[in-house]
Amino acid sequence: MADYDPLRDHLKKQTRDEFTMTIEEIETLLDLALPRASHRASWWDVTRAPEEKMPQRVAIIDGGYEATRLPDGSGIKFRRQGLRKKWR
């Protein structure tokens, strides 16, 4: 999981409940290119197949957030764990 430790640490420092990062911003933070699979929503979803201990998901959970790929693929939305969803 060491590759994703910078993401975990970045998330732990956040004071915002929600924010978005681009794939490029995440790659810069990690100092590595993310796999092609990172462009799929399921790669980020911490609730999908929780028995699969994928390192990026572990880092996100340990950082205190959930992650969702934006529908247009422009970035990843991080949302603090345990927040109630707002209905629009």
C-alpha atoms as a PDB file:
ATOM      1  CA  MET A   1       0.000   0.000   0.000  1.00  0.00           C
ATOM      2  CA  ALA A   2       2.992   2.327   0.303  1.00  0.00           C
ATOM      3  CA  ASP A   3       2.273   3.752  -3.153  1.00  0.00           C
ATOM      4  CA  TYR A   4      -1.017   5.175  -1.878  1.00  0.00           C
ATOM      5  CA  ASP A   5       0.218   6.435   1.499  1.00  0.00           C
ATOM      6  CA  PRO A   6       0.533  10.024   0.178  1.00  0.00           C
ATOM      7  CA  LEU A   7      -3.156   9.949  -0.801  1.00  0.00           C
ATOM      8  CA  ARG A   8      -4.140   8.638   2.637  1.00  0.00           C
ATOM      9  CA  ASP A   9      -2.030  11.303   4.332  1.00  0.00           C
ATOM     10  CA  HIS A  10      -3.470  14.036   2.102  1.00  0.00           C
ATOM     11  CA  LEU A  11      -7.015  12.951   2.946  1.00  0.00           C
ATOM     12  CA  LYS A  12      -6.288  12.876   6.682  1.00  0.00           C
ATOM     13  CA  LYS A  13      -5.161  16.521   6.537  1.00  0.00           C
ATOM     14  CA  GLN A  14      -8.332  17.749   4.842  1.00  0.00           C
ATOM     15  CA  THR A  15     -10.809  19.889   6.722  1.00  0.00           C
ATOM     16  CA  ARG A  16     -13.396  19.907   3.932  1.00  0.00           C
ATOM     17  CA  ASP A  17     -16.268  17.458   3.936  1.00  0.00           C
ATOM     18  CA  GLU A  18     -16.229  17.185   0.149  1.00  0.00           C
ATOM     19  CA  PHE A  19     -13.758  18.085  -2.556  1.00  0.00           C
ATOM     20  CA  THR A  20     -12.724  16.962  -6.020  1.00  0.00           C
ATOM     21  CA  MET A  21      -9.333  16.065  -7.441  1.00  0.00           C
ATOM     22  CA  THR A  22      -8.437  15.300 -11.037  1.00  0.00           C
ATOM     23  CA  ILE A  23      -6.645  12.081 -11.940  1.00  0.00           C
ATOM     24  CA  GLU A  24      -3.645  14.242 -12.823  1.00  0.00           C
ATOM     25  CA  GLU A  25      -3.643  15.873  -9.375  1.00  0.00           C
ATOM     26  CA  ILE A  26      -3.780  12.457  -7.732  1.00  0.00           C
ATOM     27  CA  GLU A  27      -0.954  11.170  -9.930  1.00  0.00           C
ATOM     28  CA  THR A  28       1.154  14.211  -9.022  1.00  0.00           C
ATOM     29  CA  LEU A  29       0.449  13.668  -5.335  1.00  0.00           C
ATOM     30  CA  LEU A  30       1.412   9.985  -5.608  1.00  0.00           C
ATOM     31  CA  ASP A  31       4.295  10.619  -8.020  1.00  0.00           C
ATOM     32  CA  LEU A  32       3.127   7.735 -10.190  1.00  0.00           C
ATOM     33  CA  ALA A  33       0.820   7.057 -13.100  1.00  0.00           C
ATOM     34  CA  LEU A  34      -2.434   5.425 -12.074  1.00  0.00           C
ATOM     35  CA  PRO A  35      -3.474   2.287 -13.958  1.00  0.00           C
ATOM     36  CA  ARG A  36      -5.993   2.511 -16.791  1.00  0.00           C
ATOM     37  CA  ALA A  37      -8.533   0.929 -14.447  1.00  0.00           C
ATOM     38  CA  SER A  38      -8.548   4.155 -12.408  1.00  0.00           C
ATOM     39  CA  HIS A  39     -10.751   5.684 -15.100  1.00  0.00           C
ATOM     40  CA  ARG A  40     -13.540   3.278 -14.100  1.00  0.00           C
ATOM     41  CA  ALA A  41     -15.916   4.254 -11.315  1.00  0.00           C
ATOM     42  CA  SER A  42     -15.660   0.828  -9.670  1.00  0.00           C
ATOM     43  CA  TRP A  43     -11.904   1.257  -9.097  1.00  0.00           C
ATOM     44  CA  TRP A  44     -12.602   4.053  -6.595  1.00  0.00           C
ATOM     45  CA  ASP A  45     -15.827   2.819  -4.972  1.00  0.00           C
ATOM     46  CA  VAL A  46     -14.964   1.738  -1.416  1.00  0.00           C
ATOM     47  CA  THR A  47     -18.376   0.093  -0.928  1.00  0.00           C
ATOM     48  CA  ARG A  48     -18.032  -2.196  -3.926  1.00  0.00           C
ATOM     49  CA  ALA A  49     -16.644  -5.640  -3.087  1.00  0.00           C
ATOM     50  CA  PRO A  50     -15.269  -4.634   0.341  1.00  0.00           C
ATOM     51  CA  GLU A  51     -13.660  -8.075   0.664  1.00  0.00           C
ATOM     52  CA  GLU A  52     -11.233  -7.047  -2.094  1.00  0.00           C
ATOM     53  CA  LYS A  53      -8.499  -5.152  -0.274  1.00  0.00           C
ATOM     54  CA  MET A  54      -7.455  -2.868  -3.111  1.00  0.00           C
ATOM     55  CA  PRO A  55      -4.680  -0.523  -1.936  1.00  0.00           C
ATOM     56  CA  GLN A  56      -6.239   2.682  -3.265  1.00  0.00           C
ATOM     57  CA  ARG A  57      -9.505   1.865  -1.505  1.00  0.00           C
ATOM     58  CA  VAL A  58      -7.713   1.090   1.776  1.00  0.00           C
ATOM     59  CA  ALA A  59      -5.892   4.443   1.559  1.00  0.00           C
ATOM     60  CA  ILE A  60      -9.167   6.289   0.958  1.00  0.00           C
ATOM     61  CA  ILE A  61     -10.918   4.557   3.857  1.00  0.00           C
ATOM     62  CA  ASP A  62      -7.937   5.058   6.176  1.00  0.00           C
ATOM     63  CA  GLY A  63      -7.937   8.718   5.141  1.00  0.00           C
ATOM     64  CA  GLY A  64     -11.540   9.003   6.353  1.00  0.00           C
ATOM     65  CA  TYR A  65     -13.240   9.435   2.990  1.00  0.00           C
ATOM     66  CA  GLU A  66     -15.330   7.741   0.337  1.00  0.00           C
ATOM     67  CA  ALA A  67     -14.534   8.317  -3.326  1.00  0.00           C
ATOM     68  CA  THR A  68     -16.710   8.536  -6.414  1.00  0.00           C
ATOM     69  CA  ARG A  69     -15.618   9.094  -9.992  1.00  0.00           C
ATOM     70  CA  LEU A  70     -17.472  12.033 -11.509  1.00  0.00           C
ATOM     71  CA  PRO A  71     -19.908  10.988 -14.262  1.00  0.00           C
ATOM     72  CA  ASP A  72     -18.017  12.928 -16.916  1.00  0.00           C
ATOM     73  CA  GLY A  73     -14.719  11.341 -15.864  1.00  0.00           C
ATOM     74  CA  SER A  74     -13.135  14.715 -15.085  1.00  0.00           C
ATOM     75  CA  GLY A  75     -12.140  13.800 -11.544  1.00  0.00           C
ATOM     76  CA  ILE A  76     -12.746  11.996  -8.295  1.00  0.00           C
ATOM     77  CA  LYS A  77     -15.043  13.381  -5.622  1.00  0.00           C
ATOM     78  CA  PHE A  78     -13.968  12.670  -2.062  1.00  0.00           C
ATOM     79  CA  ARG A  79     -16.614  12.784   0.640  1.00  0.00           C
ATOM     80  CA  ARG A  80     -15.940  12.420   4.348  1.00  0.00           C
ATOM     81  CA  GLN A  81     -17.177   9.067   5.672  1.00  0.00           C
ATOM     82  CA  GLY A  82     -20.357   9.097   7.685  1.00  0.00           C
ATOM     83  CA  LEU A  83     -21.874  12.262   6.236  1.00  0.00           C
ATOM     84  CA  ARG A  84     -25.560  12.152   5.534  1.00  0.00           C
ATOM     85  CA  LYS A  85     -26.410  12.587   1.886  1.00  0.00           C
ATOM     86  CA  LYS A  86     -28.195  15.801   0.964  1.00  0.00           C
ATOM     87  CA  TRP A  87     -31.317  15.386  -1.114  1.00  0.00           C
ATOM     88  CA  ARG A  88     -31.747  17.818  -3.970  1.00  0.00           C
END
